[in-house]
Amino acid sequence: MRVLIPFTVLFLSGCSHLANDHWSGQDKAQHFMASAMLSAAGNEYARHQGVSPDRSAAIGLMFSLSLGASKELWDSRPEGSGWSWKDFV
């Protein structure tokens, strides 16, 4: 239930505009690498705080997702490049 509410809010929130980008863009690989590194960093930080391996993996994933959503929200500003579901995925 706790996960369902943020995703519902995210999907129902309006964006100023959407990006017109392609799946084969170079930035998709950059987004993937950045997400993987942020997820690993969040995971390691949680492990150093004494959190269980399963819980620390979830923390790392949520850390990466929250920063990715924040970046896409920033891009959705009128002067930004637009929200990209392809970047978010």
PDB file of N, CA and C in Angstrom:
ATOM      1  N   MET A   1       0.820  -1.199   0.000  1.00  0.00           N
ATOM      2  CA  MET A   1       0.000   0.000   0.000  1.00  0.00           C
ATOM      3  C   MET A   1       0.861   1.260   0.000  1.00  0.00           C
ATOM      4  N   ARG A   2       1.965   1.232   0.774  1.00  0.00           N
ATOM      5  CA  ARG A   2       2.828   2.410   0.830  1.00  0.00           C
ATOM      6  C   ARG A   2       3.464   2.712  -0.519  1.00  0.00           C
ATOM      7  N   VAL A   3       3.693   1.701  -1.316  1.00  0.00           N
ATOM      8  CA  VAL A   3       4.290   1.905  -2.636  1.00  0.00           C
ATOM      9  C   VAL A   3       3.231   2.359  -3.637  1.00  0.00           C
ATOM     10  N   LEU A   4       2.016   1.900  -3.464  1.00  0.00           N
ATOM     11  CA  LEU A   4       0.947   2.207  -4.407  1.00  0.00           C
ATOM     12  C   LEU A   4       0.593   3.691  -4.427  1.00  0.00           C
ATOM     13  N   ILE A   5       0.588   4.331  -3.285  1.00  0.00           N
ATOM     14  CA  ILE A   5       0.200   5.745  -3.204  1.00  0.00           C
ATOM     15  C   ILE A   5       1.161   6.650  -3.977  1.00  0.00           C
ATOM     16  N   PRO A   6       2.497   6.557  -3.773  1.00  0.00           N
ATOM     17  CA  PRO A   6       3.383   7.435  -4.561  1.00  0.00           C
ATOM     18  C   PRO A   6       3.290   7.200  -6.067  1.00  0.00           C
ATOM     19  N   PHE A   7       3.157   5.939  -6.485  1.00  0.00           N
ATOM     20  CA  PHE A   7       3.046   5.670  -7.911  1.00  0.00           C
ATOM     21  C   PHE A   7       1.738   6.212  -8.477  1.00  0.00           C
ATOM     22  N   THR A   8       0.664   6.135  -7.710  1.00  0.00           N
ATOM     23  CA  THR A   8      -0.613   6.692  -8.153  1.00  0.00           C
ATOM     24  C   THR A   8      -0.510   8.198  -8.324  1.00  0.00           C
ATOM     25  N   VAL A   9       0.095   8.854  -7.350  1.00  0.00           N
ATOM     26  CA  VAL A   9       0.279  10.308  -7.439  1.00  0.00           C
ATOM     27  C   VAL A   9       1.147  10.658  -8.640  1.00  0.00           C
ATOM     28  N   LEU A  10       2.212   9.896  -8.862  1.00  0.00           N
ATOM     29  CA  LEU A  10       3.105  10.152  -9.990  1.00  0.00           C
ATOM     30  C   LEU A  10       2.375  10.005 -11.320  1.00  0.00           C
ATOM     31  N   PHE A  11       1.584   8.961 -11.473  1.00  0.00           N
ATOM     32  CA  PHE A  11       0.895   8.730 -12.736  1.00  0.00           C
ATOM     33  C   PHE A  11      -0.243   9.709 -12.978  1.00  0.00           C
ATOM     34  N   LEU A  12      -0.852  10.214 -11.918  1.00  0.00           N
ATOM     35  CA  LEU A  12      -1.973  11.132 -12.079  1.00  0.00           C
ATOM     36  C   LEU A  12      -1.554  12.594 -12.121  1.00  0.00           C
ATOM     37  N   SER A  13      -0.304  12.866 -11.785  1.00  0.00           N
ATOM     38  CA  SER A  13       0.146  14.262 -11.795  1.00  0.00           C
ATOM     39  C   SER A  13       0.390  14.714 -13.231  1.00  0.00           C
ATOM     40  N   GLY A  14       0.056  15.950 -13.493  1.00  0.00           N
ATOM     41  CA  GLY A  14       0.239  16.497 -14.832  1.00  0.00           C
ATOM     42  C   GLY A  14       1.644  17.040 -15.021  1.00  0.00           C
ATOM     43  N   CYS A  15       2.125  16.980 -16.228  1.00  0.00           N
ATOM     44  CA  CYS A  15       3.426  17.535 -16.573  1.00  0.00           C
ATOM     45  C   CYS A  15       3.210  18.715 -17.510  1.00  0.00           C
ATOM     46  N   SER A  16       4.122  19.657 -17.471  1.00  0.00           N
ATOM     47  CA  SER A  16       4.001  20.811 -18.352  1.00  0.00           C
ATOM     48  C   SER A  16       4.078  20.393 -19.812  1.00  0.00           C
ATOM     49  N   HIS A  17       5.024  19.537 -20.114  1.00  0.00           N
ATOM     50  CA  HIS A  17       5.099  19.003 -21.475  1.00  0.00           C
ATOM     51  C   HIS A  17       5.941  17.734 -21.472  1.00  0.00           C
ATOM     52  N   LEU A  18       5.749  16.924 -22.504  1.00  0.00           N
ATOM     53  CA  LEU A  18       6.461  15.666 -22.628  1.00  0.00           C
ATOM     54  C   LEU A  18       7.584  15.802 -23.643  1.00  0.00           C
ATOM     55  N   ALA A  19       8.630  15.042 -23.428  1.00  0.00           N
ATOM     56  CA  ALA A  19       9.763  15.061 -24.349  1.00  0.00           C
ATOM     57  C   ALA A  19       9.440  14.237 -25.593  1.00  0.00           C
ATOM     58  N   ASN A  20       9.990  14.639 -26.706  1.00  0.00           N
ATOM     59  CA  ASN A  20       9.858  13.892 -27.949  1.00  0.00           C
ATOM     60  C   ASN A  20      11.205  13.227 -28.212  1.00  0.00           C
ATOM     61  N   ASP A  21      11.421  12.081 -27.566  1.00  0.00           N
ATOM     62  CA  ASP A  21      12.706  11.402 -27.694  1.00  0.00           C
ATOM     63  C   ASP A  21      12.500   9.964 -28.158  1.00  0.00           C
ATOM     64  N   HIS A  22      13.602   9.307 -28.493  1.00  0.00           N
ATOM     65  CA  HIS A  22      13.561   7.961 -29.040  1.00  0.00           C
ATOM     66  C   HIS A  22      14.206   6.984 -28.067  1.00  0.00           C
ATOM     67  N   TRP A  23      13.814   5.705 -28.181  1.00  0.00           N
ATOM     68  CA  TRP A  23      14.363   4.675 -27.312  1.00  0.00           C
ATOM     69  C   TRP A  23      15.846   4.439 -27.568  1.00  0.00           C
ATOM     70  N   SER A  24      16.323   4.752 -28.749  1.00  0.00           N
ATOM     71  CA  SER A  24      17.710   4.439 -29.097  1.00  0.00           C
ATOM     72  C   SER A  24      18.677   5.584 -28.816  1.00  0.00           C
ATOM     73  N   GLY A  25      18.251   6.604 -28.106  1.00  0.00           N
ATOM     74  CA  GLY A  25      19.127   7.735 -27.815  1.00  0.00           C
ATOM     75  C   GLY A  25      20.259   7.357 -26.868  1.00  0.00           C
ATOM     76  N   GLN A  26      21.392   8.038 -27.007  1.00  0.00           N
ATOM     77  CA  GLN A  26      22.553   7.762 -26.162  1.00  0.00           C
ATOM     78  C   GLN A  26      22.256   8.060 -24.696  1.00  0.00           C
ATOM     79  N   ASP A  27      21.357   8.994 -24.450  1.00  0.00           N
ATOM     80  CA  ASP A  27      21.062   9.357 -23.069  1.00  0.00           C
ATOM     81  C   ASP A  27      20.388   8.218 -22.302  1.00  0.00           C
ATOM     82  N   LYS A  28      19.792   7.246 -23.003  1.00  0.00           N
ATOM     83  CA  LYS A  28      19.164   6.116 -22.306  1.00  0.00           C
ATOM     84  C   LYS A  28      20.226   5.283 -21.594  1.00  0.00           C
ATOM     85  N   ALA A  29      21.358   5.062 -22.247  1.00  0.00           N
ATOM     86  CA  ALA A  29      22.456   4.329 -21.607  1.00  0.00           C
ATOM     87  C   ALA A  29      23.012   5.126 -20.434  1.00  0.00           C
ATOM     88  N   GLN A  30      23.090   6.432 -20.585  1.00  0.00           N
ATOM     89  CA  GLN A  30      23.574   7.271 -19.491  1.00  0.00           C
ATOM     90  C   GLN A  30      22.611   7.242 -18.310  1.00  0.00           C
ATOM     91  N   HIS A  31      21.312   7.279 -18.587  1.00  0.00           N
ATOM     92  CA  HIS A  31      20.319   7.188 -17.514  1.00  0.00           C
ATOM     93  C   HIS A  31      20.418   5.842 -16.799  1.00  0.00           C
ATOM     94  N   PHE A  32      20.609   4.770 -17.570  1.00  0.00           N
ATOM     95  CA  PHE A  32      20.724   3.438 -16.977  1.00  0.00           C
ATOM     96  C   PHE A  32      21.943   3.352 -16.068  1.00  0.00           C
ATOM     97  N   MET A  33      23.081   3.834 -16.544  1.00  0.00           N
ATOM     98  CA  MET A  33      24.307   3.778 -15.737  1.00  0.00           C
ATOM     99  C   MET A  33      24.182   4.631 -14.476  1.00  0.00           C
ATOM    100  N   ALA A  34      23.609   5.812 -14.608  1.00  0.00           N
ATOM    101  CA  ALA A  34      23.435   6.676 -13.438  1.00  0.00           C
ATOM    102  C   ALA A  34      22.496   6.021 -12.430  1.00  0.00           C
ATOM    103  N   SER A  35      21.418   5.422 -12.906  1.00  0.00           N
ATOM    104  CA  SER A  35      20.478   4.753 -12.006  1.00  0.00           C
ATOM    105  C   SER A  35      21.126   3.565 -11.307  1.00  0.00           C
ATOM    106  N   ALA A  36      21.914   2.800 -12.044  1.00  0.00           N
ATOM    107  CA  ALA A  36      22.593   1.649 -11.448  1.00  0.00           C
ATOM    108  C   ALA A  36      23.580   2.093 -10.373  1.00  0.00           C
ATOM    109  N   MET A  37      24.336   3.153 -10.654  1.00  0.00           N
ATOM    110  CA  MET A  37      25.304   3.644  -9.665  1.00  0.00           C
ATOM    111  C   MET A  37      24.610   4.218  -8.434  1.00  0.00           C
ATOM    112  N   LEU A  38      23.524   4.971  -8.634  1.00  0.00           N
ATOM    113  CA  LEU A  38      22.792   5.533  -7.494  1.00  0.00           C
ATOM    114  C   LEU A  38      22.144   4.434  -6.661  1.00  0.00           C
ATOM    115  N   SER A  39      21.617   3.417  -7.319  1.00  0.00           N
ATOM    116  CA  SER A  39      21.018   2.299  -6.600  1.00  0.00           C
ATOM    117  C   SER A  39      22.072   1.546  -5.788  1.00  0.00           C
ATOM    118  N   ALA A  40      23.232   1.314  -6.386  1.00  0.00           N
ATOM    119  CA  ALA A  40      24.318   0.641  -5.667  1.00  0.00           C
ATOM    120  C   ALA A  40      24.810   1.482  -4.493  1.00  0.00           C
ATOM    121  N   ALA A  41      24.898   2.796  -4.693  1.00  0.00           N
ATOM    122  CA  ALA A  41      25.339   3.678  -3.609  1.00  0.00           C
ATOM    123  C   ALA A  41      24.338   3.671  -2.455  1.00  0.00           C
ATOM    124  N   GLY A  42      23.048   3.737  -2.769  1.00  0.00           N
ATOM    125  CA  GLY A  42      22.027   3.681  -1.726  1.00  0.00           C
ATOM    126  C   GLY A  42      22.030   2.349  -1.000  1.00  0.00           C
ATOM    127  N   ASN A  43      22.240   1.276  -1.744  1.00  0.00           N
ATOM    128  CA  ASN A  43      22.326  -0.059  -1.161  1.00  0.00           C
ATOM    129  C   ASN A  43      23.510  -0.151  -0.202  1.00  0.00           C
ATOM    130  N   GLU A  44      24.674   0.289  -0.638  1.00  0.00           N
ATOM    131  CA  GLU A  44      25.871   0.229   0.207  1.00  0.00           C
ATOM    132  C   GLU A  44      25.745   1.109   1.440  1.00  0.00           C
ATOM    133  N   TYR A  45      25.164   2.284   1.279  1.00  0.00           N
ATOM    134  CA  TYR A  45      24.975   3.167   2.427  1.00  0.00           C
ATOM    135  C   TYR A  45      24.083   2.493   3.473  1.00  0.00           C
ATOM    136  N   ALA A  46      22.996   1.888   3.012  1.00  0.00           N
ATOM    137  CA  ALA A  46      22.093   1.208   3.945  1.00  0.00           C
ATOM    138  C   ALA A  46      22.784   0.019   4.607  1.00  0.00           C
ATOM    139  N   ARG A  47      23.598  -0.716   3.855  1.00  0.00           N
ATOM    140  CA  ARG A  47      24.333  -1.856   4.430  1.00  0.00           C
ATOM    141  C   ARG A  47      25.299  -1.390   5.507  1.00  0.00           C
ATOM    142  N   HIS A  48      25.969  -0.260   5.291  1.00  0.00           N
ATOM    143  CA  HIS A  48      26.901   0.276   6.294  1.00  0.00           C
ATOM    144  C   HIS A  48      26.174   0.784   7.533  1.00  0.00           C
ATOM    145  N   GLN A  49      24.881   1.044   7.408  1.00  0.00           N
ATOM    146  CA  GLN A  49      24.079   1.472   8.553  1.00  0.00           C
ATOM    147  C   GLN A  49      23.503   0.274   9.311  1.00  0.00           C
ATOM    148  N   GLY A  50      23.812  -0.938   8.857  1.00  0.00           N
ATOM    149  CA  GLY A  50      23.368  -2.143   9.552  1.00  0.00           C
ATOM    150  C   GLY A  50      22.014  -2.668   9.110  1.00  0.00           C
ATOM    151  N   VAL A  51      21.541  -2.234   7.969  1.00  0.00           N
ATOM    152  CA  VAL A  51      20.249  -2.689   7.445  1.00  0.00           C
ATOM    153  C   VAL A  51      20.442  -4.046   6.771  1.00  0.00           C
ATOM    154  N   SER A  52      19.426  -4.892   6.822  1.00  0.00           N
ATOM    155  CA  SER A  52      19.502  -6.224   6.218  1.00  0.00           C
ATOM    156  C   SER A  52      19.709  -6.113   4.701  1.00  0.00           C
ATOM    157  N   PRO A  53      20.276  -7.157   4.087  1.00  0.00           N
ATOM    158  CA  PRO A  53      20.521  -7.107   2.636  1.00  0.00           C
ATOM    159  C   PRO A  53      19.264  -6.862   1.799  1.00  0.00           C
ATOM    160  N   ASP A  54      18.160  -7.513   2.145  1.00  0.00           N
ATOM    161  CA  ASP A  54      16.927  -7.310   1.373  1.00  0.00           C
ATOM    162  C   ASP A  54      16.411  -5.889   1.513  1.00  0.00           C
ATOM    163  N   ARG A  55      16.424  -5.386   2.725  1.00  0.00           N
ATOM    164  CA  ARG A  55      15.923  -4.027   2.979  1.00  0.00           C
ATOM    165  C   ARG A  55      16.856  -2.992   2.344  1.00  0.00           C
ATOM    166  N   SER A  56      18.164  -3.223   2.388  1.00  0.00           N
ATOM    167  CA  SER A  56      19.098  -2.258   1.795  1.00  0.00           C
ATOM    168  C   SER A  56      18.965  -2.223   0.274  1.00  0.00           C
ATOM    169  N   ALA A  57      18.653  -3.361  -0.350  1.00  0.00           N
ATOM    170  CA  ALA A  57      18.418  -3.371  -1.799  1.00  0.00           C
ATOM    171  C   ALA A  57      17.189  -2.538  -2.140  1.00  0.00           C
ATOM    172  N   ALA A  58      16.147  -2.662  -1.334  1.00  0.00           N
ATOM    173  CA  ALA A  58      14.936  -1.862  -1.556  1.00  0.00           C
ATOM    174  C   ALA A  58      15.217  -0.380  -1.348  1.00  0.00           C
ATOM    175  N   ILE A  59      16.022  -0.060  -0.360  1.00  0.00           N
ATOM    176  CA  ILE A  59      16.379   1.340  -0.108  1.00  0.00           C
ATOM    177  C   ILE A  59      17.167   1.902  -1.287  1.00  0.00           C
ATOM    178  N   GLY A  60      18.120   1.134  -1.803  1.00  0.00           N
ATOM    179  CA  GLY A  60      18.891   1.572  -2.962  1.00  0.00           C
ATOM    180  C   GLY A  60      18.018   1.801  -4.182  1.00  0.00           C
ATOM    181  N   LEU A  61      17.071   0.899  -4.409  1.00  0.00           N
ATOM    182  CA  LEU A  61      16.159   1.040  -5.543  1.00  0.00           C
ATOM    183  C   LEU A  61      15.291   2.287  -5.397  1.00  0.00           C
ATOM    184  N   MET A  62      14.725   2.487  -4.223  1.00  0.00           N
ATOM    185  CA  MET A  62      13.863   3.653  -4.003  1.00  0.00           C
ATOM    186  C   MET A  62      14.660   4.957  -4.075  1.00  0.00           C
ATOM    187  N   PHE A  63      15.918   4.932  -3.628  1.00  0.00           N
ATOM    188  CA  PHE A  63      16.780   6.111  -3.733  1.00  0.00           C
ATOM    189  C   PHE A  63      16.975   6.486  -5.200  1.00  0.00           C
ATOM    190  N   SER A  64      17.280   5.493  -6.015  1.00  0.00           N
ATOM    191  CA  SER A  64      17.486   5.731  -7.440  1.00  0.00           C
ATOM    192  C   SER A  64      16.199   6.200  -8.121  1.00  0.00           C
ATOM    193  N   LEU A  65      15.082   5.564  -7.815  1.00  0.00           N
ATOM    194  CA  LEU A  65      13.803   5.961  -8.410  1.00  0.00           C
ATOM    195  C   LEU A  65      13.393   7.370  -8.012  1.00  0.00           C
ATOM    196  N   SER A  66      13.614   7.716  -6.754  1.00  0.00           N
ATOM    197  CA  SER A  66      13.208   9.055  -6.309  1.00  0.00           C
ATOM    198  C   SER A  66      14.045  10.138  -6.979  1.00  0.00           C
ATOM    199  N   LEU A  67      15.336   9.898  -7.152  1.00  0.00           N
ATOM    200  CA  LEU A  67      16.165  10.885  -7.845  1.00  0.00           C
ATOM    201  C   LEU A  67      15.822  10.948  -9.332  1.00  0.00           C
ATOM    202  N   GLY A  68      15.520   9.803  -9.939  1.00  0.00           N
ATOM    203  CA  GLY A  68      15.110   9.797 -11.344  1.00  0.00           C
ATOM    204  C   GLY A  68      13.797  10.535 -11.560  1.00  0.00           C
ATOM    205  N   ALA A  69      12.844  10.327 -10.657  1.00  0.00           N
ATOM    206  CA  ALA A  69      11.563  11.036 -10.756  1.00  0.00           C
ATOM    207  C   ALA A  69      11.756  12.529 -10.550  1.00  0.00           C
ATOM    208  N   SER A  70      12.636  12.895  -9.628  1.00  0.00           N
ATOM    209  CA  SER A  70      12.911  14.319  -9.396  1.00  0.00           C
ATOM    210  C   SER A  70      13.528  14.965 -10.627  1.00  0.00           C
ATOM    211  N   LYS A  71      14.435  14.251 -11.283  1.00  0.00           N
ATOM    212  CA  LYS A  71      15.079  14.775 -12.491  1.00  0.00           C
ATOM    213  C   LYS A  71      14.057  14.956 -13.609  1.00  0.00           C
ATOM    214  N   GLU A  72      13.168  13.982 -13.784  1.00  0.00           N
ATOM    215  CA  GLU A  72      12.146  14.101 -14.824  1.00  0.00           C
ATOM    216  C   GLU A  72      11.138  15.196 -14.492  1.00  0.00           C
ATOM    217  N   LEU A  73      10.820  15.355 -13.229  1.00  0.00           N
ATOM    218  CA  LEU A  73       9.932  16.446 -12.828  1.00  0.00           C
ATOM    219  C   LEU A  73      10.582  17.789 -13.142  1.00  0.00           C
ATOM    220  N   TRP A  74      11.877  17.906 -12.903  1.00  0.00           N
ATOM    221  CA  TRP A  74      12.618  19.127 -13.236  1.00  0.00           C
ATOM    222  C   TRP A  74      12.602  19.361 -14.748  1.00  0.00           C
ATOM    223  N   ASP A  75      12.755  18.300 -15.524  1.00  0.00           N
ATOM    224  CA  ASP A  75      12.727  18.426 -16.984  1.00  0.00           C
ATOM    225  C   ASP A  75      11.351  18.828 -17.507  1.00  0.00           C
ATOM    226  N   SER A  76      10.288  18.562 -16.742  1.00  0.00           N
ATOM    227  CA  SER A  76       8.939  18.858 -17.225  1.00  0.00           C
ATOM    228  C   SER A  76       8.562  20.327 -17.078  1.00  0.00           C
ATOM    229  N   ARG A  77       9.460  21.138 -16.541  1.00  0.00           N
ATOM    230  CA  ARG A  77       9.192  22.582 -16.458  1.00  0.00           C
ATOM    231  C   ARG A  77       8.987  23.130 -17.864  1.00  0.00           C
ATOM    232  N   PRO A  78       8.292  24.261 -17.990  1.00  0.00           N
ATOM    233  CA  PRO A  78       8.083  24.840 -19.329  1.00  0.00           C
ATOM    234  C   PRO A  78       9.390  25.092 -20.084  1.00  0.00           C
ATOM    235  N   GLU A  79      10.449  25.493 -19.389  1.00  0.00           N
ATOM    236  CA  GLU A  79      11.718  25.743 -20.082  1.00  0.00           C
ATOM    237  C   GLU A  79      12.635  24.518 -20.104  1.00  0.00           C
ATOM    238  N   GLY A  80      12.164  23.383 -19.590  1.00  0.00           N
ATOM    239  CA  GLY A  80      12.954  22.155 -19.596  1.00  0.00           C
ATOM    240  C   GLY A  80      12.774  21.376 -20.888  1.00  0.00           C
ATOM    241  N   SER A  81      13.403  20.199 -20.941  1.00  0.00           N
ATOM    242  CA  SER A  81      13.333  19.375 -22.151  1.00  0.00           C
ATOM    243  C   SER A  81      12.077  18.513 -22.206  1.00  0.00           C
ATOM    244  N   GLY A  82      11.311  18.443 -21.134  1.00  0.00           N
ATOM    245  CA  GLY A  82      10.067  17.676 -21.111  1.00  0.00           C
ATOM    246  C   GLY A  82      10.210  16.361 -20.373  1.00  0.00           C
ATOM    247  N   TRP A  83       9.103  15.935 -19.763  1.00  0.00           N
ATOM    248  CA  TRP A  83       9.068  14.654 -19.055  1.00  0.00           C
ATOM    249  C   TRP A  83       9.234  13.545 -20.073  1.00  0.00           C
ATOM    250  N   SER A  84      10.092  12.591 -19.774  1.00  0.00           N
ATOM    251  CA  SER A  84      10.308  11.470 -20.680  1.00  0.00           C
ATOM    252  C   SER A  84      10.085  10.163 -19.928  1.00  0.00           C
ATOM    253  N   TRP A  85       8.999   9.459 -20.273  1.00  0.00           N
ATOM    254  CA  TRP A  85       8.776   8.153 -19.667  1.00  0.00           C
ATOM    255  C   TRP A  85       9.870   7.186 -20.095  1.00  0.00           C
ATOM    256  N   LYS A  86      10.425   7.391 -21.271  1.00  0.00           N
ATOM    257  CA  LYS A  86      11.500   6.514 -21.745  1.00  0.00           C
ATOM    258  C   LYS A  86      12.746   6.694 -20.887  1.00  0.00           C
ATOM    259  N   ASP A  87      13.049   7.917 -20.494  1.00  0.00           N
ATOM    260  CA  ASP A  87      14.173   8.149 -19.587  1.00  0.00           C
ATOM    261  C   ASP A  87      13.879   7.551 -18.217  1.00  0.00           C
ATOM    262  N   PHE A  88      12.652   7.693 -17.763  1.00  0.00           N
ATOM    263  CA  PHE A  88      12.283   7.213 -16.431  1.00  0.00           C
ATOM    264  C   PHE A  88      12.349   5.696 -16.348  1.00  0.00           C
ATOM    265  N   VAL A  89      11.950   5.018 -17.429  1.00  0.00           N
ATOM    266  CA  VAL A  89      11.988   3.553 -17.451  1.00  0.00           C
ATOM    267  C   VAL A  89      13.431   3.110 -17.466  1.00  0.00           C
TER     268      VAL A  89
END
